[in-house]
Amino acid sequence: MVDYHASNNQSAGGVQTYMEQENDWDRDLLLDPAWEKQQRKTFTAWCNSHLRKAGTQIENIEEDFRDGLKLMLLLEVISGERLPKPERGKMRVHKINNVNKALDFIASKGVKLVSIGAEEIVDGNAKMTLGMIWTIILRFAIQDISVEETSAKEGLLLWCQRKTAPYKNVNVQNFHISWKDGLAFNALIHRHRPDLIDYDSLRKDDPVTNLNNAFEVAEKHLDIPKMLDAEDIVGTLRPDEKAIMTYVSCFYHAFSGAQKAETAANRICKVLAVNQENEQMMEDYEKLASDLLEWIRRTIPWLENRTQEKTVKDLQAKQEDFRDYRTVHKPPKVQEKCQLEISFNTLQTKLRLSNRPAFMPSEGRMVSDINTAWHTLEGAEKGYEEWILSEIRRLERLEHLAEKFHQKAAIHESWTDGKEAMLTQKDYETSTLSEVKALLRKHEAFESDLAAHQDRVEQIAAIAQELNELDYYDAASVNTRCQKICEQWDILGSLTHSRKESLERTEKQLESIDELYLEYAKRAAPFNNWMEGAMEDLQDMFIVHNIEEIQGLISAHEQFKSTLPEANKEREAIQAIQAEVQRIAQSNGIKLSGANPYTTITPQSIDSKWEKAMAMVPQRDTALQDELNKQNSNDTLRATFAAQANSVGAYIQAKMEEIGRISIEMNGTLEDQLTNLKDYQKTIMSYMPEINKLEGHHQHIQEALIFDNQYTSYTMEHLRVGWEQLLTTIARTINEVENQILTRDAKGISQEQLFEYRASFNHFDKKRSGQMVSDDFRALLISTGNSLGDGEFNRIMGIVDPNGSGFVTFQAFIDFMSRETTDTDTADQVIASFKILAGDKNFITADELRRELPPDQAEYCIARMAPYAGPDGVPGALDYMSFSTALYGESDL
């Protein structure tokens, strides 16, 4: 058999790399009975082929390794190393320690054990035991196989493909289907030992014969134990890959000696191929380096060209060429340079690994030479880019300054258009003083505007100067336009000064008359406003709601009349000012150009408004007195309504409190309580005439449009609601007693129980409102002996407060207590009753219903029962189960 000792010398890194690739085998596939059978047979035979060297073997793979002794012996045989001394005890801990020693040894060989523990092996877990043996086979029988730079499974598969390639009907692509017809096994043997196999006599359609032939020859002549039965492979749709790999690896190791010559030939071919590849890489490097250096040599002069352009557009064309260089021409060269360095480094690495001397490129084509040239290129590129940007900024600055000059010049010229004509006109010679003052203020505003434009003129001159300094190509036209602007600016300054002197002189001549006009306007305007306000107040419509408001209006009107003499004196003083203006104008021969420039109020309009205001005063006196008489009448109506409302409100409040007390105390039997409540209801209804009387008073209040009443806090709406609430409360209380009687009679609750329920409810109804909040209700339930969790309490609240109002009434409490303490029909009981009528069937017919039930109830059921949909139904069958659950509002059973 094969000696695997040499495999232990491989590095842990190599082991780990391959084992990580193989550790993803699907352990769940072991549950497939056919595959598990193949693995048991193959792995047992493989283990025994090594254990027999130590004079022992196994019969049951998951049982015989449980104590760890034969497992440690197997590892010693296949590794040639000594493991720690095993423990000979029979206890479980001794077995686990032995298995752990074996697993630690496997892990020390760089094998990562996934989900395999000592406890599973000791417990005889077939899945884990087979997985562990497969891991051992991978590490010590398959992992060290190497064929043309492939190893382990891939190397073994390549070896099989190479050895069986010349044989017809053999196409090894995997370790399962490709071996099913047995030809691949026979081909491997024939390739190395043609004397043992008559391959041409084999037929592809007879796989059992082919497999048995290969297995028997291998066992007899190659010392490879029979690990599988032909029937196991042929009878499986897809043979187990691990079993086939284990079997094939034995063939590989058996024939490994015959591969030495082939390996030597392969080594020579490999060396020659490496040498040829290296030479080709050297030639490629030299050519690529020469081409790249030539491109750099041609590109640098173009990047160092600094010929200046006159316009931004021309320079932008250069910039676009540079962008093309950056985005189109340079990137491939960057890639070539990178590829050149990669090729050089790869070549040097290959030469070093194959013990060849390092590659020395021809003079001037070293990587360092290329890097130097490239660095020079990038320096020129950076300088060219900076120069382009600098030139663009310079030309953009010139164009910007020129555009800015013409823009500011155009704005200035537009502003000065018509200014000379304005400054030379004589409009002030025929103006009034106010017009002259307005012209003077307008002129002052113009002077401010002129001063503000001084900065623009200076900016225009400064820009023109800078354009001249930068040698702008159109400097001549700029200078001409700038000179024209400056000369016009001097003229405007002179004209502005002359016009200001003329306006100031005219102003003084008209000031004396204007002062009188101004005094008139200052006094006429507020007096006119006062008269207009007085007339508005005298005509103002007023709406009052009580005597106090109308008395306040009368008082204000009397105060207004007391100010009239002083107002008349002010009117006469204003008229005197206008008379003085006329006197001065006549005595000095002044021709007044028109009305007072400061106001449109004339003496005539003042006198006219004064006369109208004086006529409105007695009219206002009459209107206020009429309203005072009306409010006195309304106050009498308020007092009458208030007296009746206060009486009715007190009655309703008292009766509401009395009903609340009666509903809580409830003395006597329920029938006595019901009789007393109905008598009490009649007493309350006898008070209805007082309510009607109050409605009559309220109608008079509404007809008089009275909206407030200081004599009472009650409103008719409030009292109506109170009266309706009183009637509703007594009716509800009567209804509750009637319901309690119904509940008592229906549920068999005694009078004492009802009294006990009422006493408990009243005790916890802290607000005496006839209903309690959920916390008080929980306390009430606990006091009755109920042990409540949150879930149970929420269930009960869903029964007593189905609308989620947060309150529980006494009637709801009684219904709940009667439901909890008495026996009631359920949906299940009704279903059971229907089943009896149906003769124990899952459905019932209309005839059966009519036979067993009264006619009206039978027709009721027939009209509401759905057709029966079960497989055992008959025509006309009805579903009594869903009907029964619907009666109780439950879901279908």
Foldseek 3Di string as FASTA:
>chain_A
DFALQVLLPDDLVLVQVVLVVVVPPDLVCCVVVLQVVLLQLLLQLLLQLQCVVVPDGDDGQLAVCLQLPSLQVSCCRRNVDHFPDQDPDPDNVSSQVNNVSSVVVLVVSNHDDDPAHSVCSNVSPSSNSSVVSLSVCQSRQFQQQDDPNDGGPVNLQVVLCVQQVVPPPQDRDAQWPRPLQLLSLLSLCCSQPVVQDPSVVDDSVRSQVNNVSSQVSCVPPQVQHRRDHSCSRNVDPIHHRSSSSSSSSSSCSSCVVVCPVVVVVVVVVVLVVLVVVLVVLLVVLQVLLVVLLVVLVVVLVVLQDQDADDALVVLVVVVVVLVCCVPPVVVVSVVSLVVSVVSQVVSQVSCVVSVHDHDDHPPCRDNVSSVVSVVSSVVSSVVSVVSSVVSSVVNVVLVVLVVVLVVLLVVLVVVCVPLVVVLPDDVLVPDALVVLVVVLVVLVVVVVVLVVCVVSLVSSVVSLVVNVVVVPVPSVVSVVSNVVSVVVSVVSVVSSVVSNVVSVVSNVVRVVLLVLLVVLLVLVVVLVVVLVVLVCLLPPDDDDQALVVLVVVVVVLVVVVVCVVVSVVSLVVSVVSVVVSVVVCVVVVNDDPDDRPNDPDDNVNSVVSSVVSVVSSVVSVVVSVVVNVLNVVLLVLLVVLQVLQVVLVVVLVVLVVVLLVCLLPVDDFLVVSLVVLVVVLVVLVVCVVSLVVSVVSVVVNVVSVRDDHPSHPDDNVNSVVSSVVSNVSSVVSSVLSVLVVVLCVVLVPDRVVLVVLSVLVSVLQVVSPQKDFLVSVVVSCVVVPDDDDPVRSVVLCCQQPVPPPRIGGSSSVSVSVSVVPGDDDALVNVCVVVCVLQVNDQWHALVSLPVPDPPVVSVVCLVPFDADPDPPDDPRTTHVQCVSCVVVPHHGD
